[in-house]
Amino acid sequence: FFSKQKTAYEMVTRRDGLTDDVDVFGDSWKIDRLERCEDAAEPLSLEEACGARLENVTAECVRVFDIENFARCPGLGHDKTQFIHACIYDECEETMKESGIPP
């Protein structure tokens, strides 16, 4: 079922239906023990997540992704901006601290 080859079964909904719509697929699997699930809360903006730390955390995450190891990424079609934003959000939400990952 989890092969690298695409199959007709990749978008099977919880009740054995097939769909091409990722939202329909995802929503079909949103359940709790009573077979219902509330929508997730909207994620915080970087400003909301970081508060007064935003400038310092942004500078540190930009520094991390400006090292030589990542220099070729933009030329290969990888925009570093999304990774920098993820770094900022993770640092401000302290998810990186919990897993022991710098900065």
Foldseek 3Di string as FASTA:
>chain_A
DPDPDDDQPPQQAPVRDHDPDPVRSVCSPAQDPVGDHDDDDDDDQLCVLAPPCSVVQLVVLVVVCPDPVNVCQVVVPHDCVVVSRVSSNCVSNVVCVVVVHDD
